[in-house]
Amino acid sequence: MTPATTFIDIANDVAAIPGTGDTPVTFTHTADVARYVVALLQKESWDPISYIVGDRVTMNQFLRLAEAAKGKWLSCK
C-alpha cells in the first residue's frame, strides 16, 4: 500500500499536529494486519471481536522520532 500522509509529512519536512500532540495514537503496518488475519483464518474459531494494536505513541513522540531519523527539524504548521 502507498503510505498515507496525515499529520506528519516526513518526505516534505512538515507537520500539522492537532491539539497538544500528547494524545496516544496507534500505528499498525499493513503487513502486520495481514499476518494477523492469516493467523485468525487458520484457527477453527475465534472471538467475534478481535484486536490488533501496533506501536502506540503520541504525535509529539512520533515527530521527535521522525526528526531523529532525518537528522533535522520539521516545520510545524
PDB file of N, CA and C in Angstrom:
ATOM      1  N   MET A   1       0.835  -1.179   0.000  1.00  0.00           N
ATOM      2  CA  MET A   1       0.000   0.000   0.000  1.00  0.00           C
ATOM      3  C   MET A   1       0.879   1.241   0.000  1.00  0.00           C
ATOM      4  N   THR A   2       0.374   2.262  -0.596  1.00  0.00           N
ATOM      5  CA  THR A   2       1.069   3.545  -0.589  1.00  0.00           C
ATOM      6  C   THR A   2       0.946   4.169   0.797  1.00  0.00           C
ATOM      7  N   PRO A   3       2.053   4.683   1.366  1.00  0.00           N
ATOM      8  CA  PRO A   3       1.964   5.306   2.692  1.00  0.00           C
ATOM      9  C   PRO A   3       0.994   6.487   2.680  1.00  0.00           C
ATOM     10  N   ALA A   4       0.203   6.597   3.722  1.00  0.00           N
ATOM     11  CA  ALA A   4      -0.738   7.711   3.854  1.00  0.00           C
ATOM     12  C   ALA A   4      -0.113   8.790   4.728  1.00  0.00           C
ATOM     13  N   THR A   5      -0.110   9.995   4.232  1.00  0.00           N
ATOM     14  CA  THR A   5       0.411  11.120   4.997  1.00  0.00           C
ATOM     15  C   THR A   5      -0.762  11.855   5.611  1.00  0.00           C
ATOM     16  N   THR A   6      -0.770  11.943   6.939  1.00  0.00           N
ATOM     17  CA  THR A   6      -1.866  12.629   7.597  1.00  0.00           C
ATOM     18  C   THR A   6      -1.365  13.869   8.333  1.00  0.00           C
ATOM     19  N   PHE A   7      -0.772  13.684   9.484  1.00  0.00           N
ATOM     20  CA  PHE A   7      -0.360  14.819  10.298  1.00  0.00           C
ATOM     21  C   PHE A   7       1.120  15.162  10.165  1.00  0.00           C
ATOM     22  N   ILE A   8       1.932  14.172   9.857  1.00  0.00           N
ATOM     23  CA  ILE A   8       3.371  14.392   9.747  1.00  0.00           C
ATOM     24  C   ILE A   8       3.825  13.924   8.369  1.00  0.00           C
ATOM     25  N   ASP A   9       4.255  14.872   7.556  1.00  0.00           N
ATOM     26  CA  ASP A   9       4.706  14.585   6.191  1.00  0.00           C
ATOM     27  C   ASP A   9       6.231  14.577   6.204  1.00  0.00           C
ATOM     28  N   ILE A  10       6.807  13.417   6.434  1.00  0.00           N
ATOM     29  CA  ILE A  10       8.255  13.292   6.595  1.00  0.00           C
ATOM     30  C   ILE A  10       8.984  13.640   5.301  1.00  0.00           C
ATOM     31  N   ALA A  11       8.448  13.224   4.165  1.00  0.00           N
ATOM     32  CA  ALA A  11       9.111  13.464   2.878  1.00  0.00           C
ATOM     33  C   ALA A  11       9.256  14.952   2.571  1.00  0.00           C
ATOM     34  N   ASN A  12       8.275  15.757   3.014  1.00  0.00           N
ATOM     35  CA  ASN A  12       8.305  17.195   2.724  1.00  0.00           C
ATOM     36  C   ASN A  12       8.669  18.052   3.931  1.00  0.00           C
ATOM     37  N   ASP A  13       9.101  17.401   5.028  1.00  0.00           N
ATOM     38  CA  ASP A  13       9.577  18.111   6.225  1.00  0.00           C
ATOM     39  C   ASP A  13       8.543  19.060   6.841  1.00  0.00           C
ATOM     40  N   VAL A  14       7.294  18.606   6.915  1.00  0.00           N
ATOM     41  CA  VAL A  14       6.251  19.428   7.522  1.00  0.00           C
ATOM     42  C   VAL A  14       5.377  18.589   8.455  1.00  0.00           C
ATOM     43  N   ALA A  15       4.858  19.256   9.478  1.00  0.00           N
ATOM     44  CA  ALA A  15       3.949  18.587  10.406  1.00  0.00           C
ATOM     45  C   ALA A  15       2.814  19.535  10.759  1.00  0.00           C
ATOM     46  N   ALA A  16       1.616  19.005  10.880  1.00  0.00           N
ATOM     47  CA  ALA A  16       0.447  19.762  11.325  1.00  0.00           C
ATOM     48  C   ALA A  16      -0.252  18.901  12.377  1.00  0.00           C
ATOM     49  N   ILE A  17       0.213  19.027  13.605  1.00  0.00           N
ATOM     50  CA  ILE A  17      -0.262  18.179  14.688  1.00  0.00           C
ATOM     51  C   ILE A  17      -1.462  18.847  15.366  1.00  0.00           C
ATOM     52  N   PRO A  18      -2.584  18.139  15.437  1.00  0.00           N
ATOM     53  CA  PRO A  18      -3.765  18.731  16.076  1.00  0.00           C
ATOM     54  C   PRO A  18      -3.632  18.737  17.601  1.00  0.00           C
ATOM     55  N   GLY A  19      -4.267  19.702  18.231  1.00  0.00           N
ATOM     56  CA  GLY A  19      -4.272  19.777  19.696  1.00  0.00           C
ATOM     57  C   GLY A  19      -2.875  19.928  20.265  1.00  0.00           C
ATOM     58  N   THR A  20      -2.653  19.297  21.412  1.00  0.00           N
ATOM     59  CA  THR A  20      -1.349  19.403  22.074  1.00  0.00           C
ATOM     60  C   THR A  20      -0.345  18.398  21.526  1.00  0.00           C
ATOM     61  N   GLY A  21      -0.840  17.372  20.817  1.00  0.00           N
ATOM     62  CA  GLY A  21       0.052  16.333  20.307  1.00  0.00           C
ATOM     63  C   GLY A  21       0.411  15.289  21.342  1.00  0.00           C
ATOM     64  N   ASP A  22      -0.260  15.325  22.505  1.00  0.00           N
ATOM     65  CA  ASP A  22       0.062  14.406  23.593  1.00  0.00           C
ATOM     66  C   ASP A  22      -0.923  13.242  23.730  1.00  0.00           C
ATOM     67  N   THR A  23      -1.903  13.146  22.852  1.00  0.00           N
ATOM     68  CA  THR A  23      -2.857  12.045  22.887  1.00  0.00           C
ATOM     69  C   THR A  23      -2.246  10.831  22.194  1.00  0.00           C
ATOM     70  N   PRO A  24      -2.236   9.676  22.848  1.00  0.00           N
ATOM     71  CA  PRO A  24      -1.662   8.479  22.212  1.00  0.00           C
ATOM     72  C   PRO A  24      -2.471   8.037  20.984  1.00  0.00           C
ATOM     73  N   VAL A  25      -1.759   7.605  19.967  1.00  0.00           N
ATOM     74  CA  VAL A  25      -2.359   7.023  18.767  1.00  0.00           C
ATOM     75  C   VAL A  25      -1.621   5.724  18.481  1.00  0.00           C
ATOM     76  N   THR A  26      -2.221   4.853  17.677  1.00  0.00           N
ATOM     77  CA  THR A  26      -1.550   3.609  17.334  1.00  0.00           C
ATOM     78  C   THR A  26      -1.292   3.537  15.840  1.00  0.00           C
ATOM     79  N   PHE A  27      -0.188   2.929  15.490  1.00  0.00           N
ATOM     80  CA  PHE A  27       0.201   2.714  14.100  1.00  0.00           C
ATOM     81  C   PHE A  27       0.419   1.227  13.911  1.00  0.00           C
ATOM     82  N   THR A  28      -0.283   0.636  12.952  1.00  0.00           N
ATOM     83  CA  THR A  28      -0.137  -0.786  12.673  1.00  0.00           C
ATOM     84  C   THR A  28       0.157  -0.950  11.192  1.00  0.00           C
ATOM     85  N   HIS A  29       1.265  -1.567  10.867  1.00  0.00           N
ATOM     86  CA  HIS A  29       1.673  -1.753   9.473  1.00  0.00           C
ATOM     87  C   HIS A  29       0.742  -2.743   8.789  1.00  0.00           C
ATOM     88  N   THR A  30       0.454  -2.514   7.528  1.00  0.00           N
ATOM     89  CA  THR A  30      -0.453  -3.390   6.783  1.00  0.00           C
ATOM     90  C   THR A  30       0.048  -4.831   6.741  1.00  0.00           C
ATOM     91  N   ALA A  31       1.348  -5.043   6.719  1.00  0.00           N
ATOM     92  CA  ALA A  31       1.897  -6.408   6.725  1.00  0.00           C
ATOM     93  C   ALA A  31       1.558  -7.109   8.039  1.00  0.00           C
ATOM     94  N   ASP A  32       1.578  -6.371   9.153  1.00  0.00           N
ATOM     95  CA  ASP A  32       1.216  -6.958  10.443  1.00  0.00           C
ATOM     96  C   ASP A  32      -0.266  -7.319  10.475  1.00  0.00           C
ATOM     97  N   VAL A  33      -1.108  -6.463   9.907  1.00  0.00           N
ATOM     98  CA  VAL A  33      -2.543  -6.748   9.849  1.00  0.00           C
ATOM     99  C   VAL A  33      -2.772  -8.007   9.012  1.00  0.00           C
ATOM    100  N   ALA A  34      -2.085  -8.122   7.886  1.00  0.00           N
ATOM    101  CA  ALA A  34      -2.232  -9.295   7.018  1.00  0.00           C
ATOM    102  C   ALA A  34      -1.834 -10.577   7.749  1.00  0.00           C
ATOM    103  N   ARG A  35      -0.710 -10.546   8.475  1.00  0.00           N
ATOM    104  CA  ARG A  35      -0.282 -11.728   9.235  1.00  0.00           C
ATOM    105  C   ARG A  35      -1.308 -12.106  10.302  1.00  0.00           C
ATOM    106  N   TYR A  36      -1.892 -11.105  10.922  1.00  0.00           N
ATOM    107  CA  TYR A  36      -2.898 -11.333  11.956  1.00  0.00           C
ATOM    108  C   TYR A  36      -4.140 -11.997  11.354  1.00  0.00           C
ATOM    109  N   VAL A  37      -4.592 -11.494  10.222  1.00  0.00           N
ATOM    110  CA  VAL A  37      -5.769 -12.063   9.567  1.00  0.00           C
ATOM    111  C   VAL A  37      -5.495 -13.505   9.142  1.00  0.00           C
ATOM    112  N   VAL A  38      -4.327 -13.758   8.579  1.00  0.00           N
ATOM    113  CA  VAL A  38      -3.963 -15.129   8.179  1.00  0.00           C
ATOM    114  C   VAL A  38      -3.983 -16.053   9.397  1.00  0.00           C
ATOM    115  N   ALA A  39      -3.434 -15.608  10.507  1.00  0.00           N
ATOM    116  CA  ALA A  39      -3.416 -16.419  11.726  1.00  0.00           C
ATOM    117  C   ALA A  39      -4.838 -16.700  12.214  1.00  0.00           C
ATOM    118  N   LEU A  40      -5.707 -15.694  12.161  1.00  0.00           N
ATOM    119  CA  LEU A  40      -7.097 -15.903  12.572  1.00  0.00           C
ATOM    120  C   LEU A  40      -7.804 -16.902  11.664  1.00  0.00           C
ATOM    121  N   LEU A  41      -7.578 -16.802  10.374  1.00  0.00           N
ATOM    122  CA  LEU A  41      -8.243 -17.693   9.424  1.00  0.00           C
ATOM    123  C   LEU A  41      -7.808 -19.145   9.584  1.00  0.00           C
ATOM    124  N   GLN A  42      -6.647 -19.365  10.149  1.00  0.00           N
ATOM    125  CA  GLN A  42      -6.154 -20.722  10.346  1.00  0.00           C
ATOM    126  C   GLN A  42      -6.710 -21.369  11.618  1.00  0.00           C
ATOM    127  N   LYS A  43      -7.356 -20.581  12.465  1.00  0.00           N
ATOM    128  CA  LYS A  43      -7.945 -21.121  13.690  1.00  0.00           C
ATOM    129  C   LYS A  43      -9.313 -21.740  13.381  1.00  0.00           C
ATOM    130  N   GLU A  44      -9.703 -22.710  14.181  1.00  0.00           N
ATOM    131  CA  GLU A  44     -11.020 -23.317  13.993  1.00  0.00           C
ATOM    132  C   GLU A  44     -12.134 -22.342  14.343  1.00  0.00           C
ATOM    133  N   SER A  45     -11.915 -21.527  15.372  1.00  0.00           N
ATOM    134  CA  SER A  45     -12.882 -20.494  15.747  1.00  0.00           C
ATOM    135  C   SER A  45     -12.146 -19.376  16.468  1.00  0.00           C
ATOM    136  N   TRP A  46     -12.761 -18.225  16.493  1.00  0.00           N
ATOM    137  CA  TRP A  46     -12.183 -17.094  17.209  1.00  0.00           C
ATOM    138  C   TRP A  46     -13.311 -16.228  17.743  1.00  0.00           C
ATOM    139  N   ASP A  47     -12.971 -15.365  18.691  1.00  0.00           N
ATOM    140  CA  ASP A  47     -13.970 -14.476  19.285  1.00  0.00           C
ATOM    141  C   ASP A  47     -14.564 -13.572  18.213  1.00  0.00           C
ATOM    142  N   PRO A  48     -15.831 -13.181  18.363  1.00  0.00           N
ATOM    143  CA  PRO A  48     -16.461 -12.306  17.368  1.00  0.00           C
ATOM    144  C   PRO A  48     -15.751 -10.950  17.232  1.00  0.00           C
ATOM    145  N   ILE A  49     -15.085 -10.536  18.285  1.00  0.00           N
ATOM    146  CA  ILE A  49     -14.342  -9.275  18.232  1.00  0.00           C
ATOM    147  C   ILE A  49     -12.871  -9.591  18.463  1.00  0.00           C
ATOM    148  N   SER A  50     -12.038  -9.180  17.525  1.00  0.00           N
ATOM    149  CA  SER A  50     -10.589  -9.405  17.628  1.00  0.00           C
ATOM    150  C   SER A  50      -9.878  -8.069  17.483  1.00  0.00           C
ATOM    151  N   TYR A  51      -8.730  -7.938  18.121  1.00  0.00           N
ATOM    152  CA  TYR A  51      -7.987  -6.678  18.112  1.00  0.00           C
ATOM    153  C   TYR A  51      -6.557  -6.900  17.656  1.00  0.00           C
ATOM    154  N   ILE A  52      -6.027  -5.892  16.999  1.00  0.00           N
ATOM    155  CA  ILE A  52      -4.600  -5.840  16.718  1.00  0.00           C
ATOM    156  C   ILE A  52      -4.168  -4.389  16.953  1.00  0.00           C
ATOM    157  N   VAL A  53      -3.124  -4.219  17.715  1.00  0.00           N
ATOM    158  CA  VAL A  53      -2.621  -2.881  18.026  1.00  0.00           C
ATOM    159  C   VAL A  53      -1.129  -2.877  17.769  1.00  0.00           C
ATOM    160  N   GLY A  54      -0.684  -1.907  17.011  1.00  0.00           N
ATOM    161  CA  GLY A  54       0.740  -1.796  16.708  1.00  0.00           C
ATOM    162  C   GLY A  54       1.452  -0.904  17.708  1.00  0.00           C
ATOM    163  N   ASP A  55       2.307  -0.038  17.201  1.00  0.00           N
ATOM    164  CA  ASP A  55       3.055   0.877  18.059  1.00  0.00           C
ATOM    165  C   ASP A  55       2.139   1.979  18.583  1.00  0.00           C
ATOM    166  N   ARG A  56       2.253   2.265  19.861  1.00  0.00           N
ATOM    167  CA  ARG A  56       1.435   3.305  20.492  1.00  0.00           C
ATOM    168  C   ARG A  56       2.352   4.444  20.927  1.00  0.00           C
ATOM    169  N   VAL A  57       2.185   5.604  20.312  1.00  0.00           N
ATOM    170  CA  VAL A  57       2.979   6.793  20.629  1.00  0.00           C
ATOM    171  C   VAL A  57       2.086   8.027  20.513  1.00  0.00           C
ATOM    172  N   THR A  58       2.564   9.143  21.033  1.00  0.00           N
ATOM    173  CA  THR A  58       1.863  10.406  20.809  1.00  0.00           C
ATOM    174  C   THR A  58       2.397  11.013  19.511  1.00  0.00           C
ATOM    175  N   MET A  59       1.679  11.975  18.973  1.00  0.00           N
ATOM    176  CA  MET A  59       2.156  12.649  17.758  1.00  0.00           C
ATOM    177  C   MET A  59       3.475  13.383  18.033  1.00  0.00           C
ATOM    178  N   ASN A  60       3.612  13.949  19.231  1.00  0.00           N
ATOM    179  CA  ASN A  60       4.870  14.621  19.574  1.00  0.00           C
ATOM    180  C   ASN A  60       6.034  13.627  19.596  1.00  0.00           C
ATOM    181  N   GLN A  61       5.804  12.427  20.147  1.00  0.00           N
ATOM    182  CA  GLN A  61       6.850  11.402  20.151  1.00  0.00           C
ATOM    183  C   GLN A  61       7.183  10.967  18.724  1.00  0.00           C
ATOM    184  N   PHE A  62       6.150  10.793  17.925  1.00  0.00           N
ATOM    185  CA  PHE A  62       6.358  10.389  16.536  1.00  0.00           C
ATOM    186  C   PHE A  62       7.164  11.447  15.778  1.00  0.00           C
ATOM    187  N   LEU A  63       6.846  12.722  16.015  1.00  0.00           N
ATOM    188  CA  LEU A  63       7.578  13.808  15.376  1.00  0.00           C
ATOM    189  C   LEU A  63       9.048  13.789  15.777  1.00  0.00           C
ATOM    190  N   ARG A  64       9.326  13.580  17.069  1.00  0.00           N
ATOM    191  CA  ARG A  64      10.714  13.515  17.524  1.00  0.00           C
ATOM    192  C   ARG A  64      11.461  12.341  16.880  1.00  0.00           C
ATOM    193  N   LEU A  65      10.774  11.194  16.728  1.00  0.00           N
ATOM    194  CA  LEU A  65      11.399  10.046  16.064  1.00  0.00           C
ATOM    195  C   LEU A  65      11.703  10.356  14.596  1.00  0.00           C
ATOM    196  N   ALA A  66      10.769  11.015  13.926  1.00  0.00           N
ATOM    197  CA  ALA A  66      10.980  11.385  12.516  1.00  0.00           C
ATOM    198  C   ALA A  66      12.143  12.355  12.388  1.00  0.00           C
ATOM    199  N   GLU A  67      12.210  13.325  13.288  1.00  0.00           N
ATOM    200  CA  GLU A  67      13.297  14.299  13.249  1.00  0.00           C
ATOM    201  C   GLU A  67      14.643  13.632  13.513  1.00  0.00           C
ATOM    202  N   ALA A  68      14.676  12.700  14.452  1.00  0.00           N
ATOM    203  CA  ALA A  68      15.927  11.989  14.758  1.00  0.00           C
ATOM    204  C   ALA A  68      16.367  11.144  13.557  1.00  0.00           C
ATOM    205  N   ALA A  69      15.410  10.536  12.878  1.00  0.00           N
ATOM    206  CA  ALA A  69      15.738   9.709  11.727  1.00  0.00           C
ATOM    207  C   ALA A  69      16.238  10.537  10.556  1.00  0.00           C
ATOM    208  N   LYS A  70      15.647  11.715  10.362  1.00  0.00           N
ATOM    209  CA  LYS A  70      16.051  12.572   9.243  1.00  0.00           C
ATOM    210  C   LYS A  70      17.256  13.438   9.596  1.00  0.00           C
ATOM    211  N   GLY A  71      17.473  13.639  10.889  1.00  0.00           N
ATOM    212  CA  GLY A  71      18.599  14.465  11.295  1.00  0.00           C
ATOM    213  C   GLY A  71      18.326  15.953  11.166  1.00  0.00           C
ATOM    214  N   LYS A  72      17.050  16.338  11.139  1.00  0.00           N
ATOM    215  CA  LYS A  72      16.701  17.753  11.079  1.00  0.00           C
ATOM    216  C   LYS A  72      15.315  17.972  11.621  1.00  0.00           C
ATOM    217  N   TRP A  73      15.035  19.229  11.965  1.00  0.00           N
ATOM    218  CA  TRP A  73      13.714  19.584  12.489  1.00  0.00           C
ATOM    219  C   TRP A  73      12.723  19.752  11.365  1.00  0.00           C
ATOM    220  N   LEU A  74      11.504  19.305  11.585  1.00  0.00           N
ATOM    221  CA  LEU A  74      10.445  19.519  10.627  1.00  0.00           C
ATOM    222  C   LEU A  74       9.688  20.778  11.045  1.00  0.00           C
ATOM    223  N   SER A  75       9.222  21.543  10.090  1.00  0.00           N
ATOM    224  CA  SER A  75       8.481  22.746  10.441  1.00  0.00           C
ATOM    225  C   SER A  75       7.033  22.373  10.754  1.00  0.00           C
ATOM    226  N   CYS A  76       6.515  22.959  11.835  1.00  0.00           N
ATOM    227  CA  CYS A  76       5.135  22.673  12.258  1.00  0.00           C
ATOM    228  C   CYS A  76       4.229  23.807  11.825  1.00  0.00           C
ATOM    229  N   LYS A  77       3.048  23.460  11.388  1.00  0.00           N
ATOM    230  CA  LYS A  77       2.059  24.468  10.990  1.00  0.00           C
ATOM    231  C   LYS A  77       0.986  24.554  12.029  1.00  0.00           C
TER     232      LYS A  77
END
